[in-house]
Amino acid sequence: FVAFHKGNLTVSFVCSKPQPGNPSVTLVTGHYTNSGSIPISDFVLQAAVPTVMQLVLSPASSNVIPPNNSGAIMQNIQVSNSMHGQKSLVMRLKIAYKIGGNQCSEEATVNTFPQGC
């Protein structure tokens, strides 16, 4: 699902359960794409979750998102929800990047995770 979209940048998330016996753990795989004609560079995504959850943010596969949707960078975010089934997954994002030499900074709250994430 699309978690964030602004201008040429799209952040999509795919949720999975890597530990079948432990439904409180969710692996969120981020796919970051650029529909513009100029590469996005110095890309950094930071994420935060409520205090009842723990987050492990792996490094992104690159900090440059190629133009024209010609590729994506990926990043794994593992979330452990101690109140799974009671509290839905919510994530706060801070995104920083450069496009055409201009520094950009965005913030967003993602509360549209599919049921069961």
C-alpha atoms as a PDB file:
ATOM      1  CA  PHE A   1       0.000   0.000   0.000  1.00  0.00           C
ATOM      2  CA  VAL A   2       1.090   3.605  -0.558  1.00  0.00           C
ATOM      3  CA  ALA A   3       2.138   5.023   2.805  1.00  0.00           C
ATOM      4  CA  PHE A   4       3.313   8.431   1.544  1.00  0.00           C
ATOM      5  CA  HIS A   5       3.280  10.271  -1.770  1.00  0.00           C
ATOM      6  CA  LYS A   6       4.416  13.799  -2.516  1.00  0.00           C
ATOM      7  CA  GLY A   7       5.674  15.208  -5.781  1.00  0.00           C
ATOM      8  CA  ASN A   8       7.781  12.529  -7.461  1.00  0.00           C
ATOM      9  CA  LEU A   9       8.439  10.468  -4.313  1.00  0.00           C
ATOM     10  CA  THR A  10       6.316   7.446  -3.401  1.00  0.00           C
ATOM     11  CA  VAL A  11       6.839   5.371  -0.250  1.00  0.00           C
ATOM     12  CA  SER A  12       5.058   2.008  -0.405  1.00  0.00           C
ATOM     13  CA  PHE A  13       4.935  -0.575   2.381  1.00  0.00           C
ATOM     14  CA  VAL A  14       4.366  -4.330   2.238  1.00  0.00           C
ATOM     15  CA  CYS A  15       3.626  -6.129   5.528  1.00  0.00           C
ATOM     16  CA  SER A  16       4.474  -9.731   6.350  1.00  0.00           C
ATOM     17  CA  LYS A  17       4.705 -11.954   9.415  1.00  0.00           C
ATOM     18  CA  PRO A  18       8.244 -13.429   9.486  1.00  0.00           C
ATOM     19  CA  GLN A  19       7.599 -15.553  12.601  1.00  0.00           C
ATOM     20  CA  PRO A  20       4.420 -17.652  12.092  1.00  0.00           C
ATOM     21  CA  GLY A  21       4.229 -18.514  15.802  1.00  0.00           C
ATOM     22  CA  ASN A  22       4.575 -14.890  16.890  1.00  0.00           C
ATOM     23  CA  PRO A  23       1.878 -12.632  15.342  1.00  0.00           C
ATOM     24  CA  SER A  24       3.092  -9.609  17.342  1.00  0.00           C
ATOM     25  CA  VAL A  25       6.119  -9.253  15.018  1.00  0.00           C
ATOM     26  CA  THR A  26       5.555  -7.519  11.671  1.00  0.00           C
ATOM     27  CA  LEU A  27       8.124  -7.016   8.926  1.00  0.00           C
ATOM     28  CA  VAL A  28       7.376  -3.865   6.946  1.00  0.00           C
ATOM     29  CA  THR A  29       9.307  -3.679   3.671  1.00  0.00           C
ATOM     30  CA  GLY A  30       9.559  -0.170   2.289  1.00  0.00           C
ATOM     31  CA  HIS A  31       9.833   0.403  -1.472  1.00  0.00           C
ATOM     32  CA  TYR A  32      10.804   3.961  -2.417  1.00  0.00           C
ATOM     33  CA  THR A  33      10.333   5.155  -6.005  1.00  0.00           C
ATOM     34  CA  ASN A  34      10.852   8.363  -7.967  1.00  0.00           C
ATOM     35  CA  SER A  35       8.598   9.262 -10.920  1.00  0.00           C
ATOM     36  CA  GLY A  36      10.537  12.436 -11.780  1.00  0.00           C
ATOM     37  CA  SER A  37      13.252  12.909 -14.370  1.00  0.00           C
ATOM     38  CA  ILE A  38      15.977  13.823 -11.820  1.00  0.00           C
ATOM     39  CA  PRO A  39      17.446  11.294  -9.338  1.00  0.00           C
ATOM     40  CA  ILE A  40      16.599  11.741  -5.660  1.00  0.00           C
ATOM     41  CA  SER A  41      19.818  11.691  -3.625  1.00  0.00           C
ATOM     42  CA  ASP A  42      20.811  11.659   0.052  1.00  0.00           C
ATOM     43  CA  PHE A  43      17.553   9.836   0.827  1.00  0.00           C
ATOM     44  CA  VAL A  44      17.002   8.972   4.496  1.00  0.00           C
ATOM     45  CA  LEU A  45      13.803   7.630   6.050  1.00  0.00           C
ATOM     46  CA  GLN A  46      13.428   7.570   9.828  1.00  0.00           C
ATOM     47  CA  ALA A  47      10.497   5.890  11.562  1.00  0.00           C
ATOM     48  CA  ALA A  48       9.005   5.912  15.043  1.00  0.00           C
ATOM     49  CA  VAL A  49       6.222   3.865  16.651  1.00  0.00           C
ATOM     50  CA  PRO A  50       4.182   4.228  19.875  1.00  0.00           C
ATOM     51  CA  THR A  51       5.845   3.184  23.149  1.00  0.00           C
ATOM     52  CA  VAL A  52       3.974  -0.174  23.270  1.00  0.00           C
ATOM     53  CA  MET A  53       5.899  -1.146  20.123  1.00  0.00           C
ATOM     54  CA  GLN A  54       9.576  -1.681  19.353  1.00  0.00           C
ATOM     55  CA  LEU A  55      11.115  -0.847  15.993  1.00  0.00           C
ATOM     56  CA  VAL A  56      14.283  -2.051  14.270  1.00  0.00           C
ATOM     57  CA  LEU A  57      15.112  -0.005  11.165  1.00  0.00           C
ATOM     58  CA  SER A  58      17.564  -1.678   8.773  1.00  0.00           C
ATOM     59  CA  PRO A  59      19.678   0.458   6.428  1.00  0.00           C
ATOM     60  CA  ALA A  60      18.142   1.243   3.034  1.00  0.00           C
ATOM     61  CA  SER A  61      19.579  -0.544  -0.011  1.00  0.00           C
ATOM     62  CA  SER A  62      20.823   2.829  -1.339  1.00  0.00           C
ATOM     63  CA  ASN A  63      20.466   6.550  -0.673  1.00  0.00           C
ATOM     64  CA  VAL A  64      19.810   7.368  -4.347  1.00  0.00           C
ATOM     65  CA  ILE A  65      16.403   6.713  -5.924  1.00  0.00           C
ATOM     66  CA  PRO A  66      16.709   6.493  -9.718  1.00  0.00           C
ATOM     67  CA  PRO A  67      14.450   8.667 -11.915  1.00  0.00           C
ATOM     68  CA  ASN A  68      11.502   7.718 -14.138  1.00  0.00           C
ATOM     69  CA  ASN A  69      10.405   4.817 -11.891  1.00  0.00           C
ATOM     70  CA  SER A  70      13.404   2.921 -13.282  1.00  0.00           C
ATOM     71  CA  GLY A  71      14.172   1.303  -9.935  1.00  0.00           C
ATOM     72  CA  ALA A  72      13.416   1.384  -6.266  1.00  0.00           C
ATOM     73  CA  ILE A  73      15.391   1.307  -3.077  1.00  0.00           C
ATOM     74  CA  MET A  74      14.210  -0.965  -0.294  1.00  0.00           C
ATOM     75  CA  GLN A  75      14.361  -0.931   3.484  1.00  0.00           C
ATOM     76  CA  ASN A  76      13.180  -3.401   6.127  1.00  0.00           C
ATOM     77  CA  ILE A  77      11.453  -2.177   9.264  1.00  0.00           C
ATOM     78  CA  GLN A  78      10.675  -4.783  11.928  1.00  0.00           C
ATOM     79  CA  VAL A  79       8.025  -3.876  14.494  1.00  0.00           C
ATOM     80  CA  SER A  80       7.167  -5.823  17.650  1.00  0.00           C
ATOM     81  CA  ASN A  81       3.762  -4.871  19.027  1.00  0.00           C
ATOM     82  CA  SER A  82       3.323  -5.915  22.682  1.00  0.00           C
ATOM     83  CA  MET A  83      -0.399  -5.089  22.365  1.00  0.00           C
ATOM     84  CA  HIS A  84      -1.011  -6.889  19.048  1.00  0.00           C
ATOM     85  CA  GLY A  85      -4.755  -7.290  18.531  1.00  0.00           C
ATOM     86  CA  GLN A  86      -5.472  -4.351  20.843  1.00  0.00           C
ATOM     87  CA  LYS A  87      -3.380  -1.525  19.380  1.00  0.00           C
ATOM     88  CA  SER A  88      -3.083  -1.096  15.619  1.00  0.00           C
ATOM     89  CA  LEU A  89       0.258  -0.381  14.013  1.00  0.00           C
ATOM     90  CA  VAL A  90       0.906   3.351  13.563  1.00  0.00           C
ATOM     91  CA  MET A  91       4.180   4.802  12.309  1.00  0.00           C
ATOM     92  CA  ARG A  92       5.562   8.331  12.210  1.00  0.00           C
ATOM     93  CA  LEU A  93       7.927   9.024   9.292  1.00  0.00           C
ATOM     94  CA  LYS A  94      10.618  11.649   8.798  1.00  0.00           C
ATOM     95  CA  ILE A  95      11.967  11.734   5.265  1.00  0.00           C
ATOM     96  CA  ALA A  96      14.925  13.807   4.058  1.00  0.00           C
ATOM     97  CA  TYR A  97      16.362  13.930   0.544  1.00  0.00           C
ATOM     98  CA  LYS A  98      17.821  16.148  -2.163  1.00  0.00           C
ATOM     99  CA  ILE A  99      16.364  16.671  -5.603  1.00  0.00           C
ATOM    100  CA  GLY A 100      18.158  18.868  -8.093  1.00  0.00           C
ATOM    101  CA  GLY A 101      20.421  20.107  -5.290  1.00  0.00           C
ATOM    102  CA  ASN A 102      17.487  21.283  -3.156  1.00  0.00           C
ATOM    103  CA  GLN A 103      17.146  19.807   0.340  1.00  0.00           C
ATOM    104  CA  CYS A 104      13.647  18.500   1.121  1.00  0.00           C
ATOM    105  CA  SER A 105      12.187  17.338   4.403  1.00  0.00           C
ATOM    106  CA  GLU A 106       8.803  15.674   4.966  1.00  0.00           C
ATOM    107  CA  GLU A 107       6.923  14.244   7.915  1.00  0.00           C
ATOM    108  CA  ALA A 108       3.924  11.930   7.859  1.00  0.00           C
ATOM    109  CA  THR A 109       1.860   9.661  10.083  1.00  0.00           C
ATOM    110  CA  VAL A 110       0.950   6.288   8.606  1.00  0.00           C
ATOM    111  CA  ASN A 111      -2.183   4.822  10.187  1.00  0.00           C
ATOM    112  CA  THR A 112      -3.520   2.902   7.195  1.00  0.00           C
ATOM    113  CA  PHE A 113      -1.718  -0.407   7.785  1.00  0.00           C
ATOM    114  CA  PRO A 114      -3.835  -3.393   6.695  1.00  0.00           C
ATOM    115  CA  GLN A 115      -5.708  -5.311   9.390  1.00  0.00           C
ATOM    116  CA  GLY A 116      -3.438  -7.844  11.089  1.00  0.00           C
ATOM    117  CA  CYS A 117      -0.184  -5.971  10.569  1.00  0.00           C
END
